[in-house]
Amino acid sequence: MSEAASELPELTDEERREYESDMDSLHVLPLSIIPFDLSGLKRAKMIKNVRLETVIEMFKDDSAGSGQVRVEDAAKLFGIPEKEPHPDIIKLKRLAGLNSFDIYTLRVELRNVGVPVNDHAELKLSKSKNEELTEYMRDFTRPLISQVYADSDTSITDVNQIIDMFKIPDRGQAMENLKKLATTLNVALPEIPRFLEDYGDIYLSLAYFKNSLDNIVPHILVFFEFMEELRGNYRLKHDRNFVETSLFVENTLNNVTASITGRFESFQRHSNEMWSDINAESFSQVKRIISSHHSTIGGVLCGLAVKMSMWNDRFADGRGGPQARADFVLSEMRHGIEKIVEVEASAPKVSDR
């Protein structure tokens, strides 16, 4: 891969903000991070649309809307003869099979499907998203801090702050505790920073997913209220198709949300057990458990986020009448929702890992 191909294009401040927003999301993949030969793909995006179909978004603006192309039609769009598979088309088809485009799923799945990225350093959350996750990370860093700074009320605001703090402990007792932790983990003291980076990254991913779920759930609850209201509408309550479909959608969202919440609770239990008897194997086990769920958690949250986002875009602030909302449920909300169920059903059982 040439040096030119390995570099992201120069971005304006506005484009950088949009790029960071895309990288923080679950359903958008800026194709600029993937090495393509076709120049037209470098500023395009791969997205999950409201029906949870994976499409290539060539452009998007307020006036023209979103210009979407199915992956199956990409060869025709770029004038590529279909008798020989083009490397870029092969990559696009592999990318289209991913459950989610969050950075944690991408880190695992891009390698699995054989698609390189321009720069793995680009697979990171924005500074603003990291700051947003601070409160979530405190829950996960508290046991670690207590291991080393047993009597400390040290305030942690960033994972890197933890790593730096442990590289240069500010008290003699902390250094002794750090040596004990290294012995317990069966690693040399100089390897502790690597352990901390692994620890920080795995729990930052969990914080990211929990934050995503917490942002989605309130919208789901509001959606449920709308469904109840619509089923009480004097016209719609006699529409059997709408009533049954709305109940199906509502029950599906409720069941999937409860299931993924249960997974987070299981992760927390395993984490607590790990710290009650911390050692190299217990940490590796928890790391494997959480990492093995990245793709399915990301896929479920991606589907939920897309559905709720599209509903809000169309009907927030009182927009749209009862019939328009019912039609949207029958079409866009209903179609593709089984994909969320399939992804959740495919998740490994936490107890089996």
Protein backbone atom coordinates (compact mmCIF):
# COMPACT_ATOMS: atom_id res chain seq x y z
CA MET A 1 0.00 0.00 0.00
CA SER A 2 1.45 3.32 -1.02
CA GLU A 3 2.09 6.11 1.42
CA ALA A 4 -0.55 8.24 -0.28
CA ALA A 5 -3.13 5.50 0.09
CA SER A 6 -2.35 5.07 3.75
CA GLU A 7 -3.11 8.65 4.72
CA LEU A 8 -6.48 10.14 5.47
CA PRO A 9 -7.40 13.12 3.28
CA GLU A 10 -6.93 16.58 4.70
CA LEU A 11 -10.06 17.60 6.59
CA THR A 12 -11.49 21.00 7.39
CA ASP A 13 -12.56 21.68 10.99
CA GLU A 14 -16.17 20.94 10.07
CA GLU A 15 -15.20 17.72 8.29
CA ARG A 16 -13.08 16.69 11.27
CA ARG A 17 -16.00 17.18 13.64
CA GLU A 18 -18.23 15.13 11.32
CA TYR A 19 -15.57 12.44 11.06
CA GLU A 20 -15.21 12.22 14.84
CA SER A 21 -18.98 12.04 15.23
CA ASP A 22 -19.05 9.17 12.73
CA MET A 23 -16.28 7.31 14.57
CA ASP A 24 -18.19 7.71 17.85
CA SER A 25 -21.33 6.23 16.30
CA LEU A 26 -22.54 2.67 16.01
CA HIS A 27 -23.95 2.82 12.49
CA VAL A 28 -21.56 4.91 10.37
CA LEU A 29 -18.21 3.85 8.88
CA PRO A 30 -16.17 6.58 7.13
CA LEU A 31 -14.65 4.68 4.23
CA SER A 32 -11.65 7.02 4.30
CA ILE A 33 -10.03 4.72 6.90
CA ILE A 34 -10.13 1.76 4.49
CA PRO A 35 -7.55 1.60 1.66
CA PHE A 36 -9.51 1.66 -1.63
CA ASP A 37 -8.33 2.03 -5.19
CA LEU A 38 -11.59 3.69 -6.26
CA SER A 39 -11.25 7.38 -5.44
CA GLY A 40 -15.02 7.82 -5.29
CA LEU A 41 -15.14 5.72 -2.14
CA LYS A 42 -12.67 7.80 -0.16
CA ARG A 43 -15.25 10.38 0.95
CA ALA A 44 -18.22 8.03 1.03
CA LYS A 45 -19.58 6.30 4.11
CA MET A 46 -21.06 2.91 4.81
CA ILE A 47 -24.17 3.18 6.98
CA LYS A 48 -26.99 1.10 8.41
CA ASN A 49 -30.27 2.58 7.21
CA VAL A 50 -33.61 2.50 9.04
CA ARG A 51 -34.34 -1.01 7.73
CA LEU A 52 -30.90 -2.02 9.01
CA GLU A 53 -29.68 -2.61 5.48
CA THR A 54 -26.02 -1.77 4.88
CA VAL A 55 -25.66 0.80 2.12
CA ILE A 56 -23.02 3.17 0.78
CA GLU A 57 -23.90 6.80 1.39
CA MET A 58 -22.29 8.85 -1.37
CA PHE A 59 -23.59 12.20 -0.12
CA LYS A 60 -25.94 13.73 2.42
CA ASP A 61 -27.25 17.26 2.81
CA ASP A 62 -30.37 19.03 4.01
CA SER A 63 -31.69 19.81 0.53
CA ALA A 64 -30.84 16.69 -1.49
CA GLY A 65 -31.17 14.18 1.33
CA SER A 66 -29.06 11.03 1.47
CA GLY A 67 -27.68 9.50 -1.71
CA GLN A 68 -27.54 5.79 -0.94
CA VAL A 69 -26.28 2.94 -3.10
CA ARG A 70 -26.71 -0.74 -2.33
CA VAL A 71 -23.42 -2.58 -2.01
CA GLU A 72 -24.65 -5.00 -4.69
CA ASP A 73 -24.89 -2.07 -7.12
CA ALA A 74 -21.48 -0.56 -6.37
CA ALA A 75 -19.73 -2.27 -9.28
CA LYS A 76 -22.26 -0.87 -11.75
CA LEU A 77 -22.00 2.61 -10.18
CA PHE A 78 -18.23 2.69 -10.69
CA GLY A 79 -18.33 1.08 -14.13
CA ILE A 80 -16.51 -2.08 -13.05
CA PRO A 81 -16.96 -5.18 -15.25
CA GLU A 82 -18.51 -7.89 -13.12
CA LYS A 83 -16.72 -10.81 -14.76
CA GLU A 84 -13.75 -10.38 -12.41
CA PRO A 85 -14.28 -9.42 -8.75
CA HIS A 86 -12.69 -6.05 -8.03
CA PRO A 87 -10.68 -5.90 -4.74
CA ASP A 88 -12.65 -2.87 -3.59
CA ILE A 89 -16.00 -4.57 -4.21
CA ILE A 90 -14.81 -7.61 -2.26
CA LYS A 91 -13.91 -5.33 0.66
CA LEU A 92 -17.27 -3.57 0.52
CA LYS A 93 -19.16 -6.87 0.63
CA ARG A 94 -17.13 -8.01 3.64
CA LEU A 95 -17.74 -4.73 5.44
CA ALA A 96 -21.45 -4.97 4.69
CA GLY A 97 -21.61 -8.16 6.75
CA LEU A 98 -20.52 -6.47 9.99
CA ASN A 99 -23.15 -6.14 12.71
CA SER A 100 -22.03 -2.68 13.76
CA PHE A 101 -19.49 0.00 12.86
CA ASP A 102 -18.48 0.99 16.39
CA ILE A 103 -14.70 1.07 16.85
CA TYR A 104 -14.62 -1.94 19.18
CA THR A 105 -16.43 -4.17 16.72
CA LEU A 106 -14.24 -2.82 13.91
CA ARG A 107 -11.01 -3.59 15.77
CA VAL A 108 -11.99 -7.25 16.01
CA GLU A 109 -14.02 -7.83 12.88
CA LEU A 110 -11.92 -5.99 10.29
CA ARG A 111 -9.10 -8.38 11.05
CA ASN A 112 -11.46 -11.37 10.91
CA VAL A 113 -12.78 -10.48 7.46
CA GLY A 114 -9.32 -9.61 6.13
CA VAL A 115 -9.95 -5.90 5.57
CA PRO A 116 -7.04 -3.66 6.57
CA VAL A 117 -7.45 -0.10 7.79
CA ASN A 118 -5.28 2.86 6.88
CA ASP A 119 -4.21 3.51 10.45
CA HIS A 120 -5.32 1.54 13.50
CA ALA A 121 -4.75 4.70 15.54
CA GLU A 122 -7.80 6.13 13.75
CA LEU A 123 -9.98 3.47 15.40
CA LYS A 124 -10.53 5.52 18.51
CA LEU A 125 -13.23 7.58 20.14
CA SER A 126 -13.13 11.36 20.04
CA LYS A 127 -11.87 13.39 22.98
CA SER A 128 -15.41 14.59 23.71
CA LYS A 129 -16.77 11.02 23.78
CA ASN A 130 -13.99 9.92 26.12
CA GLU A 131 -14.91 12.76 28.46
CA GLU A 132 -18.56 11.72 28.28
CA LEU A 133 -17.57 8.23 29.44
CA THR A 134 -15.68 9.46 32.51
CA GLU A 135 -18.49 8.69 34.97
CA TYR A 136 -18.86 5.18 33.58
CA MET A 137 -15.13 4.54 33.82
CA ARG A 138 -15.02 5.54 37.49
CA ASP A 139 -17.06 2.44 38.36
CA PHE A 140 -14.50 0.23 36.66
CA THR A 141 -11.37 2.03 37.88
CA ARG A 142 -12.42 2.16 41.54
CA PRO A 143 -11.35 -1.46 42.34
CA LEU A 144 -8.02 -0.89 40.60
CA ILE A 145 -7.35 2.34 42.49
CA SER A 146 -8.20 0.67 45.79
CA GLN A 147 -5.64 -2.07 45.06
CA VAL A 148 -2.83 0.46 44.77
CA TYR A 149 -4.05 3.54 46.63
CA ALA A 150 -6.05 1.80 49.35
CA ASP A 151 -6.74 4.94 51.40
CA SER A 152 -6.99 7.33 48.49
CA ASP A 153 -9.96 9.31 47.24
CA THR A 154 -8.04 10.10 44.05
CA SER A 155 -10.34 11.47 41.38
CA ILE A 156 -9.85 9.82 38.02
CA THR A 157 -11.12 11.51 34.89
CA ASP A 158 -9.27 9.62 32.17
CA VAL A 159 -7.86 6.13 31.61
CA ASN A 160 -4.51 7.59 30.59
CA GLN A 161 -4.41 9.39 33.92
CA ILE A 162 -4.54 6.00 35.65
CA ILE A 163 -1.72 4.62 33.55
CA ASP A 164 0.43 7.70 34.14
CA MET A 165 -0.33 7.59 37.84
CA PHE A 166 0.87 4.01 38.05
CA LYS A 167 3.98 4.65 35.96
CA ILE A 168 5.15 7.15 38.56
CA PRO A 169 3.41 6.33 41.87
CA ASP A 170 3.32 9.35 44.17
CA ARG A 171 3.65 7.43 47.46
CA GLY A 172 5.93 4.71 48.74
CA GLN A 173 3.05 2.51 49.86
CA ALA A 174 1.52 2.75 46.40
CA MET A 175 4.74 1.42 44.90
CA GLU A 176 4.71 -1.52 47.30
CA ASN A 177 1.09 -2.27 46.40
CA LEU A 178 1.94 -2.01 42.73
CA LYS A 179 4.69 -4.60 43.20
CA LYS A 180 2.19 -6.88 44.94
CA LEU A 181 -0.23 -6.46 42.04
CA ALA A 182 2.53 -7.37 39.58
CA THR A 183 3.32 -10.50 41.60
CA THR A 184 -0.36 -11.45 41.82
CA LEU A 185 -0.75 -11.04 38.06
CA ASN A 186 2.46 -12.98 37.49
CA VAL A 187 3.96 -10.20 35.39
CA ALA A 188 7.13 -8.17 35.74
CA LEU A 189 6.71 -4.70 37.20
CA PRO A 190 7.62 -2.99 33.88
CA GLU A 191 4.74 -4.91 32.25
CA ILE A 192 2.14 -3.35 34.55
CA PRO A 193 1.54 -0.35 32.22
CA ARG A 194 0.62 -2.82 29.43
CA PHE A 195 -1.79 -4.59 31.77
CA LEU A 196 -3.32 -1.23 32.69
CA GLU A 197 -3.72 -0.31 29.03
CA ASP A 198 -5.49 -3.61 28.38
CA TYR A 199 -7.63 -3.09 31.47
CA GLY A 200 -8.48 0.46 30.49
CA ASP A 201 -9.33 -0.44 26.90
CA ILE A 202 -11.57 -3.40 27.72
CA TYR A 203 -13.54 -1.44 30.29
CA LEU A 204 -13.64 1.66 28.13
CA SER A 205 -15.41 -0.47 25.54
CA LEU A 206 -17.90 -1.59 28.18
CA ALA A 207 -18.38 2.01 29.28
CA TYR A 208 -19.00 3.02 25.66
CA PHE A 209 -21.65 0.35 25.16
CA LYS A 210 -23.36 1.09 28.50
CA ASN A 211 -23.39 4.78 27.64
CA SER A 212 -24.95 3.95 24.27
CA LEU A 213 -27.66 1.83 25.90
CA ASP A 214 -28.40 4.52 28.50
CA ASN A 215 -28.81 7.06 25.69
CA ILE A 216 -31.17 4.78 23.75
CA VAL A 217 -33.47 3.49 26.52
CA PRO A 218 -35.24 6.81 27.26
CA HIS A 219 -36.16 7.10 23.58
CA ILE A 220 -37.49 3.54 23.57
CA LEU A 221 -39.69 4.31 26.58
CA VAL A 222 -41.08 7.42 24.88
CA PHE A 223 -41.71 5.32 21.76
CA PHE A 224 -43.70 2.85 23.87
CA GLU A 225 -45.89 5.71 25.11
CA PHE A 226 -46.58 6.74 21.54
CA MET A 227 -47.51 3.17 20.63
CA GLU A 228 -50.02 2.97 23.47
CA GLU A 229 -51.48 6.31 22.43
CA LEU A 230 -51.77 5.21 18.79
CA ARG A 231 -53.45 1.94 19.72
CA GLY A 232 -56.06 4.02 21.53
CA ASN A 233 -56.70 6.22 18.50
CA TYR A 234 -60.33 5.92 17.40
CA ARG A 235 -59.31 4.85 13.86
CA LEU A 236 -56.14 2.90 14.48
CA LYS A 237 -57.51 0.76 17.30
CA HIS A 238 -59.65 -1.03 14.69
CA ASP A 239 -56.66 -1.56 12.37
CA ARG A 240 -55.68 -5.10 13.29
CA ASN A 241 -52.50 -5.01 11.21
CA PHE A 242 -51.23 -1.90 12.98
CA VAL A 243 -52.20 -3.10 16.46
CA GLU A 244 -50.47 -6.46 16.00
CA THR A 245 -47.41 -4.93 14.35
CA SER A 246 -46.99 -2.22 16.98
CA LEU A 247 -47.25 -4.81 19.77
CA PHE A 248 -44.69 -7.01 17.98
CA VAL A 249 -42.25 -4.11 17.60
CA GLU A 250 -42.78 -3.02 21.20
CA ASN A 251 -42.31 -6.51 22.62
CA THR A 252 -39.23 -7.07 20.48
CA LEU A 253 -37.58 -3.86 21.63
CA ASN A 254 -38.49 -4.61 25.24
CA ASN A 255 -37.14 -8.19 25.14
CA VAL A 256 -33.90 -7.26 23.39
CA THR A 257 -33.26 -4.35 25.77
CA ALA A 258 -33.85 -6.61 28.78
CA SER A 259 -31.52 -9.26 27.34
CA ILE A 260 -28.63 -6.91 26.68
CA THR A 261 -29.10 -5.29 30.09
CA GLY A 262 -28.74 -8.76 31.58
CA ARG A 263 -25.48 -9.21 29.72
CA PHE A 264 -24.08 -6.02 31.25
CA GLU A 265 -25.09 -7.27 34.70
CA SER A 266 -23.25 -10.54 34.05
CA PHE A 267 -20.13 -8.64 33.02
CA GLN A 268 -20.30 -6.68 36.26
CA ARG A 269 -20.56 -9.88 38.31
CA HIS A 270 -17.56 -11.40 36.55
CA SER A 271 -15.62 -8.19 37.09
CA ASN A 272 -16.44 -8.17 40.80
CA GLU A 273 -15.39 -11.80 41.09
CA MET A 274 -12.15 -11.01 39.30
CA TRP A 275 -11.20 -8.34 41.83
CA SER A 276 -12.05 -10.62 44.75
CA ASP A 277 -9.25 -12.90 43.53
CA ILE A 278 -7.25 -10.96 40.96
CA ASN A 279 -4.71 -12.95 38.98
CA ALA A 280 -3.50 -13.22 35.41
CA GLU A 281 -6.01 -15.93 34.50
CA SER A 282 -9.04 -14.23 36.06
CA PHE A 283 -8.27 -11.01 34.19
CA SER A 284 -7.70 -12.86 30.92
CA GLN A 285 -11.01 -14.67 31.38
CA VAL A 286 -12.97 -11.44 31.94
CA LYS A 287 -11.17 -9.84 29.00
CA ARG A 288 -12.13 -12.78 26.77
CA ILE A 289 -15.74 -12.69 27.95
CA ILE A 290 -16.23 -9.00 27.25
CA SER A 291 -14.28 -9.04 23.95
CA SER A 292 -16.29 -12.01 22.68
CA HIS A 293 -19.47 -9.96 23.03
CA HIS A 294 -18.29 -6.81 21.23
CA SER A 295 -19.76 -7.76 17.86
CA THR A 296 -23.20 -8.78 19.15
CA ILE A 297 -23.53 -5.95 21.67
CA GLY A 298 -22.50 -3.49 18.99
CA GLY A 299 -24.95 -5.03 16.51
CA VAL A 300 -27.91 -4.89 18.89
CA LEU A 301 -27.18 -1.33 20.02
CA CYS A 302 -26.59 -0.27 16.43
CA GLY A 303 -30.01 -1.56 15.42
CA LEU A 304 -31.74 0.06 18.39
CA ALA A 305 -29.92 3.36 17.85
CA VAL A 306 -30.82 3.52 14.15
CA LYS A 307 -34.50 2.72 14.75
CA MET A 308 -34.87 5.29 17.53
CA SER A 309 -32.86 7.94 15.70
CA MET A 310 -34.99 7.65 12.56
CA TRP A 311 -38.21 7.76 14.60
CA ASN A 312 -37.04 10.91 16.41
CA ASP A 313 -35.89 12.56 13.19
CA ARG A 314 -39.35 12.06 11.73
CA PHE A 315 -41.65 12.61 14.69
CA ALA A 316 -39.86 14.46 17.52
CA ASP A 317 -41.36 17.73 18.81
CA GLY A 318 -44.91 16.67 17.91
CA ARG A 319 -44.29 16.28 14.19
CA GLY A 320 -46.46 13.90 12.18
CA GLY A 321 -50.05 12.84 12.72
CA PRO A 322 -51.31 9.46 13.96
CA GLN A 323 -51.63 7.91 10.50
CA ALA A 324 -48.14 9.00 9.45
CA ARG A 325 -46.72 7.48 12.63
CA ALA A 326 -48.66 4.27 12.14
CA ASP A 327 -47.45 3.99 8.54
CA PHE A 328 -43.86 4.45 9.69
CA VAL A 329 -44.26 1.67 12.26
CA LEU A 330 -45.75 -0.66 9.66
CA SER A 331 -42.92 -0.03 7.21
CA GLU A 332 -39.66 1.32 8.56
CA MET A 333 -39.89 0.24 12.21
CA ARG A 334 -41.16 -3.26 11.39
CA HIS A 335 -38.81 -4.08 8.53
CA GLY A 336 -35.38 -5.23 9.63
CA ILE A 337 -36.22 -5.50 13.32
CA GLU A 338 -35.77 -9.27 13.19
CA LYS A 339 -32.07 -8.61 12.48
CA ILE A 340 -31.70 -7.16 15.99
CA VAL A 341 -33.30 -10.31 17.42
CA GLU A 342 -31.00 -12.55 15.37
CA VAL A 343 -27.88 -10.74 16.54
CA GLU A 344 -28.92 -10.90 20.20
CA ALA A 345 -29.78 -14.59 19.87
CA SER A 346 -26.32 -15.28 18.39
CA ALA A 347 -24.48 -13.82 21.40
CA PRO A 348 -22.33 -16.31 23.32
CA LYS A 349 -23.67 -17.22 26.73
CA VAL A 350 -21.58 -15.49 29.38
CA SER A 351 -21.55 -18.63 31.55
CA ASP A 352 -20.24 -20.70 28.65
CA ARG A 353 -17.04 -18.70 28.17
